[in-house]
C-alpha cells in the first residue's frame, strides 16, 4: 500500500481530484490512515455536493481511461518485431553514414575517424528514435506493427519524455528487457508505454 507519514503530513498540498481518488477509485493503494487523512482534508474544504459529485465522476472516468489503455498495451512478441525492424533500419543508416564519411573525410588519423564515427552513430541513434517518436510517436518498426508510444495516461509524450526514453535505450540490455518484464527499461524510466494504434 502506497502511503507514509510524509504523505499524510502533505495531504493539504493535494488537489481536490487527487484527494477524491484516494478515497474512491484508488483507495486500495493507500493505508487506512492516509484515506482517513484525505477524507478529513476533503471535509475541511468548502466543496459543494455538486462539485464533489463532479470530482467523483472525473476520478472514475480517469481511472476507466487508464484501464482501457492497458487493454491496448502491446505484448512482448510485437515489441520484439519492433526491435528487429528498428535494429535492421539503424544498421542500414550506420552503413549509409559510414559510406558518406568515407567519401567526405580523407585522413589517416584513425583516432579522429573513430571519434567522428562514434559521434555519427550517436546522432543517428538520437534522430532515428528521438525525433521520429517525438513527431510521429513511431519508429519504422512501430509503423509496421501499427503501434505507437504514449504516456501512461494515453497522451502524446513531450520532448523531455522522449529524450529520457531515447537515452534510456542506451542502458545495457535495455533492448531485450521487455522480454523479461511487461515494460522495458526505457518504458519504465520514461513513464511511457507502447500501445496498438487503432
N, C-alpha and C. Protein backbone atom coordinates (compact mmCIF):
# COMPACT_ATOMS: atom_id res chain seq x y z
N UNK A 1 0.83 -1.20 0.00
CA UNK A 1 0.00 0.00 0.00
C UNK A 1 0.87 1.25 0.00
N UNK A 2 0.50 2.21 -0.83
CA UNK A 2 1.34 3.38 -1.06
C UNK A 2 0.99 4.53 -0.14
N UNK A 3 1.51 4.50 1.07
CA UNK A 3 1.26 5.62 1.98
C UNK A 3 2.40 5.72 2.97
N UNK A 4 2.58 6.89 3.51
CA UNK A 4 3.62 7.11 4.50
C UNK A 4 3.22 8.30 5.37
N UNK A 5 3.97 8.49 6.46
CA UNK A 5 3.71 9.65 7.33
C UNK A 5 3.91 10.94 6.56
N UNK A 6 4.87 10.91 5.63
CA UNK A 6 5.12 12.10 4.81
C UNK A 6 3.90 12.43 3.95
N UNK A 7 3.27 11.38 3.38
CA UNK A 7 2.07 11.59 2.57
C UNK A 7 0.96 12.23 3.40
N UNK A 8 0.76 11.72 4.61
CA UNK A 8 -0.30 12.25 5.48
C UNK A 8 -0.02 13.70 5.85
N UNK A 9 1.23 14.01 6.16
CA UNK A 9 1.56 15.38 6.56
C UNK A 9 1.44 16.36 5.40
N UNK A 10 1.58 15.87 4.17
CA UNK A 10 1.49 16.73 2.98
C UNK A 10 0.12 16.67 2.31
N UNK A 11 -0.85 16.05 2.96
CA UNK A 11 -2.16 15.83 2.35
C UNK A 11 -2.84 17.13 1.94
N UNK A 12 -2.51 18.23 2.61
CA UNK A 12 -3.13 19.52 2.29
C UNK A 12 -2.66 20.03 0.93
N UNK A 13 -1.53 19.55 0.45
CA UNK A 13 -1.00 20.00 -0.83
C UNK A 13 -1.69 19.32 -2.02
N UNK A 14 -2.43 18.26 -1.74
CA UNK A 14 -3.10 17.52 -2.81
C UNK A 14 -4.25 18.33 -3.38
N UNK A 15 -4.50 18.16 -4.67
CA UNK A 15 -5.65 18.81 -5.30
C UNK A 15 -6.92 18.07 -4.90
N UNK A 16 -8.06 18.69 -5.17
CA UNK A 16 -9.34 18.07 -4.84
C UNK A 16 -9.48 16.72 -5.53
N UNK A 17 -9.14 16.67 -6.82
CA UNK A 17 -9.30 15.42 -7.58
C UNK A 17 -8.37 14.33 -7.05
N UNK A 18 -7.16 14.71 -6.63
CA UNK A 18 -6.23 13.73 -6.07
C UNK A 18 -6.77 13.15 -4.77
N UNK A 19 -7.36 14.00 -3.94
CA UNK A 19 -7.94 13.53 -2.68
C UNK A 19 -9.13 12.61 -2.94
N UNK A 20 -9.95 12.98 -3.91
CA UNK A 20 -11.11 12.15 -4.24
C UNK A 20 -10.65 10.78 -4.74
N UNK A 21 -9.61 10.75 -5.52
CA UNK A 21 -9.09 9.46 -5.99
C UNK A 21 -8.64 8.59 -4.83
N UNK A 22 -8.00 9.21 -3.83
CA UNK A 22 -7.51 8.45 -2.67
C UNK A 22 -8.66 7.80 -1.92
N UNK A 23 -9.78 8.48 -1.84
CA UNK A 23 -10.90 7.95 -1.05
C UNK A 23 -11.90 7.15 -1.90
N UNK A 24 -11.67 7.10 -3.23
CA UNK A 24 -12.61 6.35 -4.08
C UNK A 24 -11.87 5.31 -4.93
N UNK A 25 -11.54 5.65 -6.17
CA UNK A 25 -11.05 4.66 -7.14
C UNK A 25 -9.65 4.12 -6.82
N UNK A 26 -8.86 4.84 -6.02
CA UNK A 26 -7.51 4.37 -5.70
C UNK A 26 -7.37 4.03 -4.22
N UNK A 27 -8.49 3.83 -3.53
CA UNK A 27 -8.46 3.59 -2.09
C UNK A 27 -7.62 2.35 -1.74
N UNK A 28 -7.61 1.35 -2.64
CA UNK A 28 -6.85 0.12 -2.40
C UNK A 28 -5.33 0.33 -2.40
N UNK A 29 -4.87 1.46 -2.91
CA UNK A 29 -3.44 1.72 -2.99
C UNK A 29 -2.87 2.36 -1.71
N UNK A 30 -3.75 2.78 -0.81
CA UNK A 30 -3.31 3.56 0.35
C UNK A 30 -3.65 2.88 1.67
N UNK A 31 -2.84 3.22 2.68
CA UNK A 31 -3.09 2.73 4.03
C UNK A 31 -4.31 3.46 4.59
N UNK A 32 -5.01 2.82 5.52
CA UNK A 32 -6.23 3.42 6.08
C UNK A 32 -6.02 4.82 6.67
N UNK A 33 -4.86 5.05 7.32
CA UNK A 33 -4.65 6.37 7.92
C UNK A 33 -4.52 7.46 6.87
N UNK A 34 -4.00 7.11 5.69
CA UNK A 34 -3.91 8.09 4.60
C UNK A 34 -5.31 8.40 4.05
N UNK A 35 -6.14 7.37 3.92
CA UNK A 35 -7.50 7.55 3.43
C UNK A 35 -8.29 8.43 4.40
N UNK A 36 -8.13 8.17 5.69
CA UNK A 36 -8.82 8.98 6.71
C UNK A 36 -8.36 10.43 6.64
N UNK A 37 -7.04 10.63 6.47
CA UNK A 37 -6.49 12.00 6.36
C UNK A 37 -7.06 12.70 5.13
N UNK A 38 -7.18 11.97 4.02
CA UNK A 38 -7.73 12.55 2.79
C UNK A 38 -9.20 12.91 2.98
N UNK A 39 -9.95 12.02 3.65
CA UNK A 39 -11.37 12.31 3.91
C UNK A 39 -11.51 13.55 4.80
N UNK A 40 -10.65 13.64 5.80
CA UNK A 40 -10.69 14.79 6.71
C UNK A 40 -10.37 16.08 5.96
N UNK A 41 -9.37 16.02 5.09
CA UNK A 41 -8.99 17.20 4.32
C UNK A 41 -10.11 17.62 3.37
N UNK A 42 -10.76 16.65 2.75
CA UNK A 42 -11.89 16.97 1.87
C UNK A 42 -13.02 17.63 2.63
N UNK A 43 -13.29 17.14 3.83
CA UNK A 43 -14.38 17.73 4.62
C UNK A 43 -14.03 19.14 5.10
N UNK A 44 -12.73 19.44 5.24
CA UNK A 44 -12.31 20.78 5.66
C UNK A 44 -12.41 21.81 4.53
N UNK A 45 -12.43 21.31 3.29
CA UNK A 45 -12.53 22.21 2.15
C UNK A 45 -13.99 22.54 1.86
N UNK A 46 -14.21 23.69 1.33
CA UNK A 46 -15.59 24.12 1.02
C UNK A 46 -16.01 23.60 -0.35
N UNK A 47 -16.29 22.30 -0.38
CA UNK A 47 -16.68 21.67 -1.64
C UNK A 47 -18.17 21.34 -1.56
N UNK A 48 -18.93 21.87 -2.50
CA UNK A 48 -20.37 21.62 -2.51
C UNK A 48 -20.64 20.18 -2.95
N UNK A 49 -21.87 19.73 -2.72
CA UNK A 49 -22.24 18.36 -3.11
C UNK A 49 -22.14 18.17 -4.61
N UNK A 50 -22.49 19.20 -5.36
CA UNK A 50 -22.42 19.12 -6.83
C UNK A 50 -20.96 19.03 -7.27
N UNK A 51 -20.10 19.88 -6.67
CA UNK A 51 -18.68 19.82 -7.00
C UNK A 51 -18.10 18.45 -6.66
N UNK A 52 -18.49 17.91 -5.50
CA UNK A 52 -17.99 16.60 -5.09
C UNK A 52 -18.45 15.51 -6.06
N UNK A 53 -19.69 15.59 -6.49
CA UNK A 53 -20.21 14.61 -7.45
C UNK A 53 -19.43 14.67 -8.75
N UNK A 54 -19.12 15.89 -9.21
CA UNK A 54 -18.34 16.06 -10.44
C UNK A 54 -16.91 15.53 -10.28
N UNK A 55 -16.34 15.75 -9.10
CA UNK A 55 -14.98 15.25 -8.83
C UNK A 55 -14.96 13.72 -8.83
N UNK A 56 -15.94 13.11 -8.21
CA UNK A 56 -16.02 11.65 -8.17
C UNK A 56 -16.19 11.10 -9.58
N UNK A 57 -17.05 11.76 -10.36
CA UNK A 57 -17.27 11.33 -11.75
C UNK A 57 -15.98 11.45 -12.56
N UNK A 58 -15.24 12.55 -12.40
CA UNK A 58 -13.98 12.75 -13.13
C UNK A 58 -12.94 11.72 -12.72
N UNK A 59 -12.87 11.41 -11.42
CA UNK A 59 -11.92 10.41 -10.94
C UNK A 59 -12.23 9.05 -11.53
N UNK A 60 -13.50 8.70 -11.58
CA UNK A 60 -13.91 7.41 -12.14
C UNK A 60 -13.60 7.34 -13.63
N UNK A 61 -13.85 8.43 -14.35
CA UNK A 61 -13.57 8.45 -15.79
C UNK A 61 -12.08 8.31 -16.07
N UNK A 62 -11.26 9.02 -15.28
CA UNK A 62 -9.81 8.92 -15.47
C UNK A 62 -9.33 7.51 -15.18
N UNK A 63 -9.87 6.88 -14.16
CA UNK A 63 -9.49 5.52 -13.81
C UNK A 63 -9.89 4.56 -14.92
N UNK A 64 -11.09 4.72 -15.48
CA UNK A 64 -11.55 3.88 -16.58
C UNK A 64 -10.67 4.08 -17.81
N UNK A 65 -10.27 5.33 -18.08
CA UNK A 65 -9.42 5.60 -19.24
C UNK A 65 -8.09 4.87 -19.12
N UNK A 66 -7.49 4.88 -17.94
CA UNK A 66 -6.22 4.19 -17.73
C UNK A 66 -6.40 2.69 -17.94
N UNK A 67 -7.49 2.13 -17.43
CA UNK A 67 -7.74 0.70 -17.60
C UNK A 67 -7.94 0.35 -19.06
N UNK A 68 -8.63 1.20 -19.81
CA UNK A 68 -8.85 0.95 -21.24
C UNK A 68 -7.53 0.98 -22.01
N UNK A 69 -6.65 1.90 -21.64
CA UNK A 69 -5.34 1.99 -22.30
C UNK A 69 -4.57 0.69 -22.10
N UNK A 70 -4.65 0.13 -20.89
CA UNK A 70 -3.93 -1.11 -20.60
C UNK A 70 -4.37 -2.26 -21.51
N UNK A 71 -5.61 -2.23 -21.98
CA UNK A 71 -6.09 -3.26 -22.89
C UNK A 71 -5.37 -3.23 -24.23
N UNK A 72 -4.85 -2.05 -24.57
CA UNK A 72 -4.20 -1.89 -25.86
C UNK A 72 -2.68 -1.94 -25.80
N UNK A 73 -2.12 -2.17 -24.60
CA UNK A 73 -0.67 -2.26 -24.48
C UNK A 73 -0.19 -3.49 -25.24
N UNK A 74 0.85 -3.30 -26.03
CA UNK A 74 1.32 -4.39 -26.89
C UNK A 74 2.08 -5.44 -26.09
N UNK A 75 2.13 -6.65 -26.63
CA UNK A 75 2.82 -7.74 -25.94
C UNK A 75 4.29 -7.81 -26.35
N UNK A 76 5.01 -8.71 -25.70
CA UNK A 76 6.46 -8.84 -25.92
C UNK A 76 6.79 -9.25 -27.35
N UNK A 77 5.93 -10.08 -27.96
CA UNK A 77 6.18 -10.52 -29.33
C UNK A 77 6.20 -9.35 -30.31
N UNK A 78 5.22 -8.46 -30.16
CA UNK A 78 5.15 -7.27 -31.02
C UNK A 78 6.37 -6.38 -30.77
N UNK A 79 6.73 -6.23 -29.49
CA UNK A 79 7.88 -5.40 -29.15
C UNK A 79 9.16 -5.98 -29.77
N UNK A 80 9.26 -7.31 -29.82
CA UNK A 80 10.44 -7.94 -30.40
C UNK A 80 10.50 -7.68 -31.91
N UNK A 81 9.35 -7.72 -32.57
CA UNK A 81 9.30 -7.41 -34.00
C UNK A 81 9.73 -5.96 -34.23
N UNK A 82 9.23 -5.05 -33.39
CA UNK A 82 9.66 -3.65 -33.47
C UNK A 82 11.17 -3.54 -33.35
N UNK A 83 11.73 -4.25 -32.37
CA UNK A 83 13.17 -4.23 -32.13
C UNK A 83 13.95 -4.70 -33.35
N UNK A 84 13.54 -5.82 -33.94
CA UNK A 84 14.26 -6.37 -35.10
C UNK A 84 14.21 -5.40 -36.28
N UNK A 85 13.04 -4.88 -36.57
CA UNK A 85 12.90 -3.94 -37.70
C UNK A 85 13.74 -2.69 -37.45
N UNK A 86 13.62 -2.12 -36.26
CA UNK A 86 14.39 -0.90 -35.94
C UNK A 86 15.89 -1.17 -35.95
N UNK A 87 16.30 -2.33 -35.49
CA UNK A 87 17.73 -2.68 -35.49
C UNK A 87 18.26 -2.75 -36.92
N UNK A 88 17.52 -3.40 -37.81
CA UNK A 88 17.94 -3.50 -39.22
C UNK A 88 18.02 -2.12 -39.86
N UNK A 89 16.99 -1.30 -39.64
CA UNK A 89 16.98 0.06 -40.21
C UNK A 89 18.15 0.87 -39.67
N UNK A 90 18.41 0.75 -38.37
CA UNK A 90 19.51 1.51 -37.76
C UNK A 90 20.86 1.07 -38.32
N UNK A 91 21.05 -0.22 -38.52
CA UNK A 91 22.30 -0.72 -39.11
C UNK A 91 22.46 -0.17 -40.54
N UNK A 92 21.37 -0.14 -41.29
CA UNK A 92 21.43 0.40 -42.66
C UNK A 92 21.79 1.89 -42.64
N UNK A 93 21.25 2.63 -41.67
CA UNK A 93 21.59 4.05 -41.53
C UNK A 93 23.08 4.23 -41.20
N UNK A 94 23.59 3.37 -40.34
CA UNK A 94 25.02 3.44 -39.99
C UNK A 94 25.88 3.14 -41.21
N UNK A 95 25.50 2.14 -41.98
CA UNK A 95 26.26 1.80 -43.19
C UNK A 95 26.24 2.96 -44.19
N UNK A 96 25.07 3.59 -44.35
CA UNK A 96 24.97 4.74 -45.25
C UNK A 96 25.82 5.90 -44.73
N UNK A 97 25.76 6.14 -43.41
CA UNK A 97 26.57 7.20 -42.80
C UNK A 97 28.06 6.94 -42.95
N UNK A 98 28.45 5.68 -42.78
CA UNK A 98 29.86 5.32 -42.93
C UNK A 98 30.33 5.55 -44.36
N UNK A 99 29.49 5.19 -45.32
CA UNK A 99 29.84 5.40 -46.74
C UNK A 99 30.03 6.89 -47.03
N UNK A 100 29.14 7.71 -46.47
CA UNK A 100 29.24 9.17 -46.66
C UNK A 100 30.51 9.71 -46.00
N UNK A 101 30.79 9.26 -44.78
CA UNK A 101 32.00 9.71 -44.08
C UNK A 101 33.27 9.33 -44.85
N UNK A 102 33.28 8.11 -45.39
CA UNK A 102 34.45 7.65 -46.17
C UNK A 102 34.67 8.51 -47.41
N UNK A 103 33.58 8.98 -48.00
CA UNK A 103 33.73 9.78 -49.21
C UNK A 103 34.06 11.24 -48.90
N UNK A 104 33.74 11.69 -47.68
CA UNK A 104 33.98 13.10 -47.31
C UNK A 104 35.35 13.28 -46.66
N UNK A 105 35.71 12.39 -45.73
CA UNK A 105 36.96 12.54 -44.98
C UNK A 105 38.08 11.72 -45.61
N UNK A 106 39.17 12.39 -45.88
CA UNK A 106 40.37 11.71 -46.38
C UNK A 106 41.52 12.00 -45.42
N UNK A 107 41.57 11.22 -44.35
CA UNK A 107 42.62 11.39 -43.36
C UNK A 107 43.11 10.01 -42.91
N UNK A 108 44.32 9.97 -42.49
CA UNK A 108 44.87 8.71 -42.00
C UNK A 108 44.85 8.66 -40.46
N UNK A 109 44.29 9.69 -39.85
CA UNK A 109 44.20 9.74 -38.39
C UNK A 109 43.04 8.86 -37.93
N UNK A 110 43.39 7.64 -37.51
CA UNK A 110 42.36 6.66 -37.12
C UNK A 110 41.57 7.10 -35.89
N UNK A 111 42.23 7.78 -34.96
CA UNK A 111 41.52 8.24 -33.76
C UNK A 111 40.45 9.28 -34.11
N UNK A 112 40.79 10.18 -35.03
CA UNK A 112 39.83 11.18 -35.47
C UNK A 112 38.64 10.52 -36.17
N UNK A 113 38.93 9.58 -37.06
CA UNK A 113 37.86 8.87 -37.77
C UNK A 113 36.97 8.10 -36.80
N UNK A 114 37.60 7.49 -35.79
CA UNK A 114 36.84 6.73 -34.80
C UNK A 114 35.92 7.65 -33.99
N UNK A 115 36.45 8.82 -33.59
CA UNK A 115 35.64 9.79 -32.84
C UNK A 115 34.47 10.30 -33.68
N UNK A 116 34.75 10.60 -34.94
CA UNK A 116 33.69 11.06 -35.84
C UNK A 116 32.65 9.96 -36.04
N UNK A 117 33.12 8.73 -36.18
CA UNK A 117 32.23 7.59 -36.36
C UNK A 117 31.29 7.39 -35.17
N UNK A 118 31.86 7.45 -33.96
CA UNK A 118 31.04 7.31 -32.75
C UNK A 118 30.03 8.45 -32.65
N UNK A 119 30.48 9.66 -32.97
CA UNK A 119 29.58 10.81 -32.95
C UNK A 119 28.44 10.64 -33.94
N UNK A 120 28.77 10.14 -35.13
CA UNK A 120 27.75 9.92 -36.16
C UNK A 120 26.73 8.88 -35.69
N UNK A 121 27.21 7.79 -35.09
CA UNK A 121 26.32 6.73 -34.61
C UNK A 121 25.37 7.28 -33.54
N UNK A 122 25.90 8.09 -32.62
CA UNK A 122 25.07 8.66 -31.56
C UNK A 122 24.02 9.60 -32.14
N UNK A 123 24.42 10.44 -33.08
CA UNK A 123 23.47 11.38 -33.71
C UNK A 123 22.38 10.61 -34.46
N UNK A 124 22.77 9.60 -35.22
CA UNK A 124 21.79 8.79 -35.95
C UNK A 124 20.81 8.11 -34.98
N UNK A 125 21.36 7.63 -33.87
CA UNK A 125 20.54 6.99 -32.84
C UNK A 125 19.50 7.95 -32.28
N UNK A 126 19.95 9.14 -31.90
CA UNK A 126 19.05 10.14 -31.33
C UNK A 126 18.00 10.59 -32.35
N UNK A 127 18.42 10.76 -33.59
CA UNK A 127 17.49 11.20 -34.63
C UNK A 127 16.47 10.10 -34.94
N UNK A 128 16.98 8.88 -35.14
CA UNK A 128 16.07 7.79 -35.53
C UNK A 128 15.01 7.55 -34.45
N UNK A 129 15.45 7.38 -33.22
CA UNK A 129 14.49 7.07 -32.15
C UNK A 129 13.83 8.33 -31.60
N UNK A 130 14.63 9.33 -31.24
CA UNK A 130 14.10 10.51 -30.58
C UNK A 130 13.20 11.36 -31.46
N UNK A 131 13.72 11.75 -32.61
CA UNK A 131 12.96 12.66 -33.48
C UNK A 131 11.72 11.97 -34.04
N UNK A 132 11.87 10.72 -34.47
CA UNK A 132 10.71 10.03 -35.05
C UNK A 132 9.61 9.79 -34.01
N UNK A 133 10.01 9.41 -32.77
CA UNK A 133 8.99 9.19 -31.74
C UNK A 133 8.39 10.50 -31.24
N UNK A 134 9.17 11.57 -31.26
CA UNK A 134 8.63 12.87 -30.83
C UNK A 134 7.56 13.37 -31.81
N UNK A 135 7.86 13.30 -33.11
CA UNK A 135 6.92 13.85 -34.09
C UNK A 135 5.78 12.91 -34.45
N UNK A 136 6.06 11.61 -34.56
CA UNK A 136 5.01 10.69 -35.01
C UNK A 136 4.62 9.63 -33.99
N UNK A 137 5.33 9.60 -32.85
CA UNK A 137 5.13 8.58 -31.81
C UNK A 137 5.49 7.18 -32.31
N UNK A 138 6.22 7.12 -33.41
CA UNK A 138 6.55 5.83 -34.02
C UNK A 138 7.96 5.81 -34.58
N UNK A 139 8.55 4.62 -34.59
CA UNK A 139 9.73 4.34 -35.41
C UNK A 139 9.20 3.53 -36.60
N UNK A 140 10.07 3.14 -37.52
CA UNK A 140 9.60 2.34 -38.65
C UNK A 140 9.04 1.01 -38.19
N UNK A 141 9.65 0.43 -37.13
CA UNK A 141 9.12 -0.81 -36.59
C UNK A 141 7.69 -0.65 -36.10
N UNK A 142 7.42 0.47 -35.45
CA UNK A 142 6.07 0.73 -34.94
C UNK A 142 5.09 1.01 -36.08
N UNK A 143 5.56 1.62 -37.17
CA UNK A 143 4.69 1.81 -38.34
C UNK A 143 4.26 0.44 -38.88
N UNK A 144 5.23 -0.47 -38.94
CA UNK A 144 4.97 -1.80 -39.48
C UNK A 144 3.98 -2.58 -38.61
N UNK A 145 4.15 -2.50 -37.29
CA UNK A 145 3.29 -3.27 -36.37
C UNK A 145 2.06 -2.49 -35.93
N UNK A 146 1.88 -1.27 -36.45
CA UNK A 146 0.74 -0.42 -36.11
C UNK A 146 0.64 -0.20 -34.60
N UNK A 147 1.75 0.26 -34.04
CA UNK A 147 1.81 0.61 -32.62
C UNK A 147 2.39 2.01 -32.48
N UNK A 148 2.29 2.58 -31.28
CA UNK A 148 2.84 3.91 -31.05
C UNK A 148 3.19 4.05 -29.57
N UNK A 149 4.06 5.01 -29.27
CA UNK A 149 4.44 5.28 -27.90
C UNK A 149 3.54 6.37 -27.33
N UNK A 150 3.07 6.15 -26.08
CA UNK A 150 2.22 7.12 -25.39
C UNK A 150 2.64 7.23 -23.93
N UNK A 151 2.18 8.29 -23.27
CA UNK A 151 2.34 8.38 -21.82
C UNK A 151 1.43 7.34 -21.18
N UNK A 152 1.58 7.12 -19.87
CA UNK A 152 0.78 6.12 -19.18
C UNK A 152 -0.71 6.43 -19.22
N UNK A 153 -1.06 7.72 -19.39
CA UNK A 153 -2.48 8.08 -19.48
C UNK A 153 -3.00 8.10 -20.91
N UNK A 154 -2.13 7.70 -21.86
CA UNK A 154 -2.55 7.63 -23.25
C UNK A 154 -2.27 8.86 -24.07
N UNK A 155 -1.77 9.92 -23.45
CA UNK A 155 -1.49 11.16 -24.17
C UNK A 155 -0.15 11.08 -24.91
N UNK A 156 0.04 12.03 -25.82
CA UNK A 156 1.29 12.08 -26.59
C UNK A 156 2.43 12.56 -25.71
N UNK A 157 3.57 11.85 -25.70
CA UNK A 157 4.70 12.28 -24.86
C UNK A 157 5.32 13.58 -25.37
N UNK A 158 5.82 14.38 -24.43
CA UNK A 158 6.51 15.62 -24.76
C UNK A 158 7.97 15.38 -25.08
N UNK A 159 8.68 16.46 -25.41
CA UNK A 159 10.08 16.37 -25.82
C UNK A 159 10.97 15.79 -24.73
N UNK A 160 10.80 16.24 -23.48
CA UNK A 160 11.64 15.75 -22.38
C UNK A 160 11.41 14.26 -22.15
N UNK A 161 10.17 13.84 -22.20
CA UNK A 161 9.85 12.41 -22.01
C UNK A 161 10.50 11.57 -23.09
N UNK A 162 10.42 12.02 -24.34
CA UNK A 162 11.03 11.28 -25.45
C UNK A 162 12.55 11.28 -25.32
N UNK A 163 13.13 12.39 -24.87
CA UNK A 163 14.58 12.45 -24.67
C UNK A 163 15.01 11.42 -23.62
N UNK A 164 14.29 11.38 -22.50
CA UNK A 164 14.60 10.40 -21.44
C UNK A 164 14.44 8.99 -21.99
N UNK A 165 13.35 8.75 -22.71
CA UNK A 165 13.09 7.43 -23.28
C UNK A 165 14.21 7.01 -24.22
N UNK A 166 14.65 7.94 -25.07
CA UNK A 166 15.69 7.63 -26.04
C UNK A 166 17.03 7.36 -25.36
N UNK A 167 17.40 8.19 -24.40
CA UNK A 167 18.67 8.00 -23.69
C UNK A 167 18.66 6.70 -22.87
N UNK A 168 17.50 6.33 -22.35
CA UNK A 168 17.40 5.09 -21.57
C UNK A 168 17.60 3.85 -22.44
N UNK A 169 17.42 4.01 -23.74
CA UNK A 169 17.67 2.89 -24.65
C UNK A 169 19.15 2.50 -24.66
N UNK A 170 20.01 3.42 -24.19
CA UNK A 170 21.45 3.15 -24.16
C UNK A 170 21.85 2.29 -22.96
N UNK A 171 20.92 2.03 -22.05
CA UNK A 171 21.21 1.14 -20.90
C UNK A 171 21.50 -0.25 -21.45
N UNK A 172 22.59 -0.88 -20.99
CA UNK A 172 22.90 -2.23 -21.47
C UNK A 172 21.73 -3.20 -21.28
N UNK A 173 21.47 -3.99 -22.28
CA UNK A 173 20.38 -4.98 -22.30
C UNK A 173 18.98 -4.39 -22.28
N UNK A 174 18.88 -3.06 -22.44
CA UNK A 174 17.55 -2.45 -22.46
C UNK A 174 16.70 -3.02 -23.58
N UNK A 175 17.31 -3.24 -24.72
CA UNK A 175 16.55 -3.68 -25.90
C UNK A 175 15.83 -5.01 -25.66
N UNK A 176 16.35 -5.81 -24.75
CA UNK A 176 15.74 -7.11 -24.51
C UNK A 176 14.99 -7.16 -23.17
N UNK A 177 14.97 -6.06 -22.44
CA UNK A 177 14.34 -6.04 -21.12
C UNK A 177 12.84 -6.30 -21.19
N UNK A 178 12.21 -5.94 -22.31
CA UNK A 178 10.77 -6.14 -22.42
C UNK A 178 10.41 -7.60 -22.63
N UNK A 179 11.41 -8.45 -22.89
CA UNK A 179 11.15 -9.88 -22.99
C UNK A 179 11.03 -10.50 -21.60
N UNK A 180 11.61 -9.83 -20.60
CA UNK A 180 11.57 -10.32 -19.22
C UNK A 180 10.43 -9.64 -18.46
N UNK A 181 10.33 -8.31 -18.64
CA UNK A 181 9.31 -7.53 -17.95
C UNK A 181 8.24 -7.11 -18.95
N UNK A 182 7.07 -6.73 -18.44
CA UNK A 182 6.00 -6.26 -19.32
C UNK A 182 6.41 -4.99 -20.05
N UNK A 183 7.17 -4.13 -19.35
CA UNK A 183 7.68 -2.90 -19.95
C UNK A 183 9.20 -2.92 -19.90
N UNK A 184 9.83 -2.39 -20.95
CA UNK A 184 11.29 -2.32 -20.97
C UNK A 184 11.79 -1.20 -20.08
N UNK A 185 13.10 -1.18 -19.86
CA UNK A 185 13.70 -0.14 -19.02
C UNK A 185 13.34 1.25 -19.53
N UNK A 186 13.43 1.44 -20.88
CA UNK A 186 13.16 2.77 -21.41
C UNK A 186 11.68 3.15 -21.28
N UNK A 187 10.79 2.17 -21.14
CA UNK A 187 9.38 2.46 -20.85
C UNK A 187 9.21 2.88 -19.40
N UNK A 188 9.75 2.06 -18.50
CA UNK A 188 9.58 2.30 -17.06
C UNK A 188 10.16 3.64 -16.63
N UNK A 189 11.39 3.93 -17.08
CA UNK A 189 12.08 5.13 -16.61
C UNK A 189 11.51 6.41 -17.22
N UNK A 190 10.88 6.31 -18.38
CA UNK A 190 10.28 7.50 -19.01
C UNK A 190 8.78 7.57 -18.78
N UNK A 191 8.22 6.58 -18.07
CA UNK A 191 6.78 6.51 -17.79
C UNK A 191 5.96 6.54 -19.09
N UNK A 192 6.40 5.72 -20.03
CA UNK A 192 5.70 5.61 -21.31
C UNK A 192 5.36 4.13 -21.55
N UNK A 193 4.58 3.90 -22.59
CA UNK A 193 4.26 2.53 -22.99
C UNK A 193 3.97 2.51 -24.48
N UNK A 194 4.05 1.33 -25.06
CA UNK A 194 3.75 1.15 -26.48
C UNK A 194 2.39 0.48 -26.58
N UNK A 195 1.48 1.10 -27.33
CA UNK A 195 0.12 0.60 -27.46
C UNK A 195 -0.24 0.41 -28.92
N UNK A 196 -1.32 -0.33 -29.15
CA UNK A 196 -1.83 -0.51 -30.51
C UNK A 196 -2.34 0.83 -31.01
N UNK A 197 -2.05 1.14 -32.26
CA UNK A 197 -2.51 2.39 -32.86
C UNK A 197 -3.74 2.09 -33.70
N UNK A 198 -4.89 2.22 -33.08
CA UNK A 198 -6.14 1.86 -33.75
C UNK A 198 -6.67 2.99 -34.60
